[in-house]
Amino acid sequence: MVNPHHVAHWYPTAAYLYILGLDMLALAWEYLRRHPDYRLDWLRHHRRRQPAHSAAHAAAQRWGLRLWEDPALDARDAHPAWLPGHDAVVQLYPDADPPPEADVFDVWRIPGHKQLIHDGKGLALIARSPGRWQRFALAPGLEDGMAVAHAHRGRGTTHAPDTPAPMARPRPPPSALLELHTLQALDATLAGASLREVGEGLFGADAVADWYTDGGLRSKVRRLVRRGEALMCGGYRRLAQLPPLEKGRFEGDAKRP
């Protein structure tokens, strides 16, 4: 029986179904926002009445962000401004020498729910539809109706602004389900649940009826918990295609990023 004091928000699997439609950058945010030290740093920054602008940005950059983002917001509502480099972000530029019948920048041609935000350096556009994310960085001077070229980092410039970005396509269901279970197991562990309680929450009471003899299920739950902790404590940087942390950070008694 699951201890009711450990249940809180993590027990209903339905609360995690949105995870199935996230791309890698959104998943990276889900792991980062759970890190206790990030939550503490954000709270300290939020409580400062007049924080030093450059110092605040430098502190956020140690987490891989240009700006602080509220960890209470999940990936459906948050707009984390990641440091640049991820190849899922398409760079859009005015085409100074467009070919005949060039494509033009038309926000309404891009499918999905669209959000325009400022990420601390410039305008960014995110378009979300079921199973598909598209992310664009808009160059200064780009206006609706202009001939446009776009570029992926390391892959040159092309002329199809509504081409889906890499990693924005639906992820394979087994992979998506793994992230759902990992985040649910991580939340349960952070709430103080035991491995058996985690197993019951994820796989049902019947599955853990023979918990002490079913080493396979215990091992599976243990792997999920360890995976979640690893992704939270620096592994999210791989999802966001950020440089790895220096050796020692988030390990052992390392408390600060």
Protein backbone atom coordinates (compact mmCIF):
# COMPACT_ATOMS: atom_id res chain seq x y z
CA MET A 1 0.00 0.00 0.00
CA VAL A 2 1.35 3.40 -0.98
CA ASN A 3 1.91 5.79 1.90
CA PRO A 4 -0.59 8.64 1.33
CA HIS A 5 2.00 11.14 2.56
CA HIS A 6 4.22 10.17 -0.39
CA VAL A 7 1.56 10.31 -3.10
CA ALA A 8 0.86 14.02 -3.60
CA HIS A 9 1.09 14.90 -7.29
CA TRP A 10 3.03 11.98 -8.76
CA TYR A 11 0.68 9.02 -8.33
CA PRO A 12 -1.87 9.65 -11.16
CA THR A 13 -0.13 8.61 -14.38
CA ALA A 14 -2.68 10.63 -16.35
CA ALA A 15 -1.02 13.81 -15.05
CA TYR A 16 2.09 12.87 -17.06
CA LEU A 17 0.47 12.14 -20.42
CA TYR A 18 1.63 15.47 -21.83
CA ILE A 19 5.18 14.10 -21.61
CA LEU A 20 4.41 11.83 -24.57
CA GLY A 21 4.31 14.81 -26.96
CA LEU A 22 7.45 16.68 -25.88
CA ASP A 23 10.60 17.18 -27.93
CA MET A 24 14.12 16.96 -26.53
CA LEU A 25 14.42 20.58 -25.43
CA ALA A 26 11.09 20.38 -23.63
CA LEU A 27 12.19 17.15 -21.94
CA ALA A 28 15.45 18.79 -20.88
CA TRP A 29 13.40 21.47 -19.11
CA GLU A 30 11.28 18.85 -17.34
CA TYR A 31 14.40 17.33 -15.79
CA LEU A 32 16.13 20.63 -14.99
CA ARG A 33 13.10 22.17 -13.29
CA ARG A 34 13.04 19.30 -10.80
CA HIS A 35 16.59 19.87 -9.57
CA PRO A 36 16.39 21.10 -5.95
CA ASP A 37 19.37 23.42 -6.38
CA TYR A 38 17.93 24.99 -9.52
CA ARG A 39 14.64 25.57 -7.71
CA LEU A 40 16.53 27.16 -4.81
CA ASP A 41 18.60 29.36 -7.14
CA TRP A 42 15.48 30.51 -8.97
CA LEU A 43 13.76 31.33 -5.69
CA ARG A 44 16.73 33.38 -4.52
CA HIS A 45 16.85 35.23 -7.81
CA HIS A 46 13.09 35.82 -7.76
CA ARG A 47 13.20 37.25 -4.23
CA ARG A 48 15.92 39.79 -5.00
CA ARG A 49 14.38 43.20 -5.49
CA GLN A 50 17.17 44.59 -7.65
CA PRO A 51 19.39 41.75 -8.86
CA ALA A 52 22.51 42.56 -10.80
CA HIS A 53 21.54 42.03 -14.43
CA SER A 54 24.81 40.49 -15.65
CA ALA A 55 25.26 38.45 -12.48
CA ALA A 56 21.74 37.06 -12.74
CA HIS A 57 22.31 36.04 -16.35
CA ALA A 58 25.66 34.45 -15.51
CA ALA A 59 24.03 32.38 -12.78
CA ALA A 60 21.33 31.18 -15.15
CA GLN A 61 23.91 30.32 -17.80
CA ARG A 62 25.57 27.88 -15.43
CA TRP A 63 22.37 25.86 -15.77
CA GLY A 64 22.40 26.16 -19.56
CA LEU A 65 19.85 29.00 -19.76
CA ARG A 66 20.09 32.57 -20.94
CA LEU A 67 17.40 33.68 -18.51
CA TRP A 68 15.81 32.27 -15.38
CA GLU A 69 12.60 30.29 -15.89
CA ASP A 70 10.06 29.45 -13.20
CA PRO A 71 10.46 25.75 -12.27
CA ALA A 72 6.79 25.61 -11.24
CA LEU A 73 5.88 25.77 -14.94
CA ASP A 74 5.93 22.53 -16.89
CA ALA A 75 6.92 22.34 -20.56
CA ARG A 76 3.41 23.24 -21.72
CA ASP A 77 3.65 26.72 -20.15
CA ALA A 78 7.36 27.39 -19.66
CA HIS A 79 9.58 29.15 -22.20
CA PRO A 80 13.13 28.30 -21.13
CA ALA A 81 15.68 30.29 -23.11
CA TRP A 82 18.38 27.67 -23.67
CA LEU A 83 21.87 28.67 -24.66
CA PRO A 84 22.20 28.35 -28.45
CA GLY A 85 23.45 25.30 -30.28
CA HIS A 86 20.60 22.80 -30.51
CA ASP A 87 19.98 21.70 -34.10
CA ALA A 88 16.22 21.60 -33.52
CA VAL A 89 16.22 25.40 -33.60
CA VAL A 90 15.91 26.72 -37.15
CA GLN A 91 17.53 30.08 -37.83
CA LEU A 92 15.33 32.30 -40.07
CA TYR A 93 16.90 35.18 -42.01
CA PRO A 94 15.73 37.66 -44.63
CA ASP A 95 16.89 36.33 -47.99
CA ALA A 96 19.00 39.16 -49.45
CA ASP A 97 19.13 37.54 -52.90
CA PRO A 98 15.97 35.46 -53.21
CA PRO A 99 15.43 33.11 -56.15
CA PRO A 100 12.36 33.50 -58.38
CA GLU A 101 9.16 32.56 -56.59
CA ALA A 102 11.04 32.50 -53.27
CA ASP A 103 9.29 31.32 -50.15
CA VAL A 104 8.13 34.13 -47.93
CA PHE A 105 7.92 34.28 -44.18
CA ASP A 106 4.31 33.67 -43.21
CA VAL A 107 3.68 32.82 -39.57
CA TRP A 108 0.22 31.48 -40.34
CA ARG A 109 1.60 28.90 -42.75
CA ILE A 110 3.43 27.21 -39.90
CA PRO A 111 1.07 24.61 -38.42
CA GLY A 112 0.21 24.37 -34.75
CA HIS A 113 -0.26 26.62 -31.73
CA LYS A 114 2.28 29.44 -32.02
CA GLN A 115 4.08 31.39 -29.30
CA LEU A 116 6.40 34.33 -29.93
CA ILE A 117 8.84 35.08 -27.11
CA HIS A 118 12.02 37.03 -26.49
CA ASP A 119 14.78 34.73 -25.26
CA GLY A 120 17.14 37.44 -24.06
CA LYS A 121 18.90 37.81 -27.41
CA GLY A 122 16.12 37.99 -29.96
CA LEU A 123 12.70 36.76 -30.97
CA ALA A 124 11.97 33.04 -30.92
CA LEU A 125 8.94 31.31 -32.37
CA ILE A 126 7.63 27.98 -31.10
CA ALA A 127 4.90 26.12 -32.99
CA ARG A 128 3.33 23.09 -31.31
CA SER A 129 0.90 20.54 -32.66
CA PRO A 130 0.23 16.98 -31.46
CA GLY A 131 3.50 15.05 -31.68
CA ARG A 132 5.34 17.89 -33.42
CA TRP A 133 7.37 20.85 -32.22
CA GLN A 134 8.99 23.48 -34.41
CA ARG A 135 11.41 26.05 -33.01
CA PHE A 136 12.66 29.11 -34.89
CA ALA A 137 15.08 31.92 -34.07
CA LEU A 138 14.06 35.06 -35.97
CA ALA A 139 16.82 37.31 -37.25
CA PRO A 140 16.51 41.08 -36.68
CA GLY A 141 14.70 42.75 -39.53
CA LEU A 142 12.69 39.72 -40.59
CA GLU A 143 9.09 40.70 -41.25
CA ASP A 144 5.98 38.90 -42.38
CA GLY A 145 5.90 38.60 -46.17
CA MET A 146 9.68 38.85 -46.66
CA ALA A 147 11.59 36.32 -48.72
CA VAL A 148 13.20 34.04 -46.16
CA ALA A 149 16.02 31.55 -45.91
CA HIS A 150 16.57 29.25 -43.00
CA ALA A 151 19.57 27.39 -41.67
CA HIS A 152 20.24 24.51 -39.31
CA ARG A 153 23.50 24.77 -37.42
CA GLY A 154 26.20 22.94 -39.34
CA ARG A 155 23.92 22.14 -42.29
CA GLY A 156 23.89 25.34 -44.32
CA THR A 157 21.09 27.54 -45.58
CA THR A 158 17.98 26.47 -47.51
CA HIS A 159 14.67 27.99 -48.58
CA ALA A 160 11.81 26.06 -46.99
CA PRO A 161 10.73 27.88 -43.82
CA ASP A 162 7.98 25.44 -42.89
CA THR A 163 10.11 22.29 -43.09
CA PRO A 164 9.87 20.42 -39.78
CA ALA A 165 12.87 20.88 -37.56
CA PRO A 166 14.91 17.81 -36.63
CA MET A 167 13.75 16.09 -33.46
CA ALA A 168 10.36 17.82 -33.81
CA ARG A 169 8.76 14.73 -35.30
CA PRO A 170 6.84 12.30 -33.06
CA ARG A 171 9.21 10.25 -30.96
CA PRO A 172 8.78 6.48 -30.94
CA PRO A 173 6.15 5.42 -28.38
CA PRO A 174 8.55 3.21 -26.35
CA SER A 175 10.94 6.13 -25.97
CA ALA A 176 8.13 8.50 -24.99
CA LEU A 177 6.78 6.02 -22.44
CA LEU A 178 10.27 5.65 -20.95
CA GLU A 179 10.43 9.42 -20.34
CA LEU A 180 6.96 9.40 -18.78
CA HIS A 181 7.88 6.58 -16.39
CA THR A 182 11.26 8.15 -15.63
CA LEU A 183 9.77 11.52 -14.67
CA GLN A 184 7.01 9.90 -12.63
CA ALA A 185 9.56 7.74 -10.80
CA LEU A 186 11.78 10.77 -10.21
CA ASP A 187 8.90 12.79 -8.75
CA ALA A 188 7.94 9.89 -6.51
CA THR A 189 11.49 9.57 -5.21
CA LEU A 190 11.76 13.32 -4.60
CA ALA A 191 8.51 13.07 -2.64
CA GLY A 192 10.03 10.37 -0.41
CA ALA A 193 8.39 7.27 -1.90
CA SER A 194 10.10 3.91 -1.57
CA LEU A 195 11.02 1.85 -4.62
CA ARG A 196 8.05 -0.43 -3.94
CA GLU A 197 5.71 2.56 -3.77
CA VAL A 198 7.16 3.81 -7.03
CA GLY A 199 6.55 0.41 -8.61
CA GLU A 200 2.94 0.35 -7.44
CA GLY A 201 2.31 3.87 -8.74
CA LEU A 202 3.78 3.10 -12.16
CA PHE A 203 2.67 -0.49 -12.73
CA GLY A 204 -0.21 -1.12 -10.33
CA ALA A 205 -0.75 -2.97 -7.07
CA ASP A 206 -1.00 -6.35 -8.78
CA ALA A 207 2.42 -5.92 -10.35
CA VAL A 208 4.09 -5.47 -6.96
CA ALA A 209 2.16 -8.24 -5.16
CA ASP A 210 5.32 -10.38 -5.25
CA TRP A 211 7.69 -7.47 -4.97
CA TYR A 212 10.24 -9.21 -2.78
CA THR A 213 10.55 -12.20 -5.12
CA ASP A 214 10.20 -10.36 -8.43
CA GLY A 215 13.72 -9.04 -8.83
CA GLY A 216 13.02 -8.01 -12.42
CA LEU A 217 10.45 -5.40 -11.51
CA ARG A 218 12.53 -4.06 -8.66
CA SER A 219 15.51 -3.73 -10.98
CA LYS A 220 13.37 -1.93 -13.56
CA VAL A 221 12.10 0.57 -11.01
CA ARG A 222 15.60 1.10 -9.66
CA ARG A 223 16.90 1.81 -13.16
CA LEU A 224 14.12 4.33 -13.78
CA VAL A 225 14.92 6.17 -10.54
CA ARG A 226 18.65 6.23 -11.28
CA ARG A 227 18.03 7.40 -14.83
CA GLY A 228 15.80 10.22 -13.61
CA GLU A 229 18.34 11.36 -11.06
CA ALA A 230 21.14 11.28 -13.64
CA LEU A 231 19.12 13.34 -16.14
CA MET A 232 18.13 15.83 -13.47
CA CYS A 233 21.71 16.18 -12.18
CA GLY A 234 23.35 17.27 -15.40
CA GLY A 235 22.14 14.70 -17.93
CA TYR A 236 19.50 17.11 -19.20
CA ARG A 237 22.36 18.97 -20.87
CA ARG A 238 22.77 16.12 -23.34
CA LEU A 239 19.09 16.44 -24.32
CA ALA A 240 19.59 20.19 -24.84
CA GLN A 241 22.88 19.59 -26.71
CA LEU A 242 24.83 21.66 -24.21
CA PRO A 243 28.47 21.03 -23.22
CA PRO A 244 28.75 18.60 -20.31
CA LEU A 245 29.33 19.92 -16.83
CA GLU A 246 32.81 20.06 -15.44
CA LYS A 247 33.71 16.92 -13.53
CA GLY A 248 32.49 17.08 -9.97
CA ARG A 249 29.43 19.25 -10.46
CA PHE A 250 26.21 17.69 -9.16
CA GLU A 251 28.25 14.77 -7.83
CA GLY A 252 28.78 13.75 -4.26
CA ASP A 253 28.63 16.81 -2.06
CA ALA A 254 28.55 19.29 -4.96
CA LYS A 255 25.54 21.46 -4.21
CA ARG A 256 25.94 24.34 -6.60
CA PRO A 257 26.07 24.38 -10.42
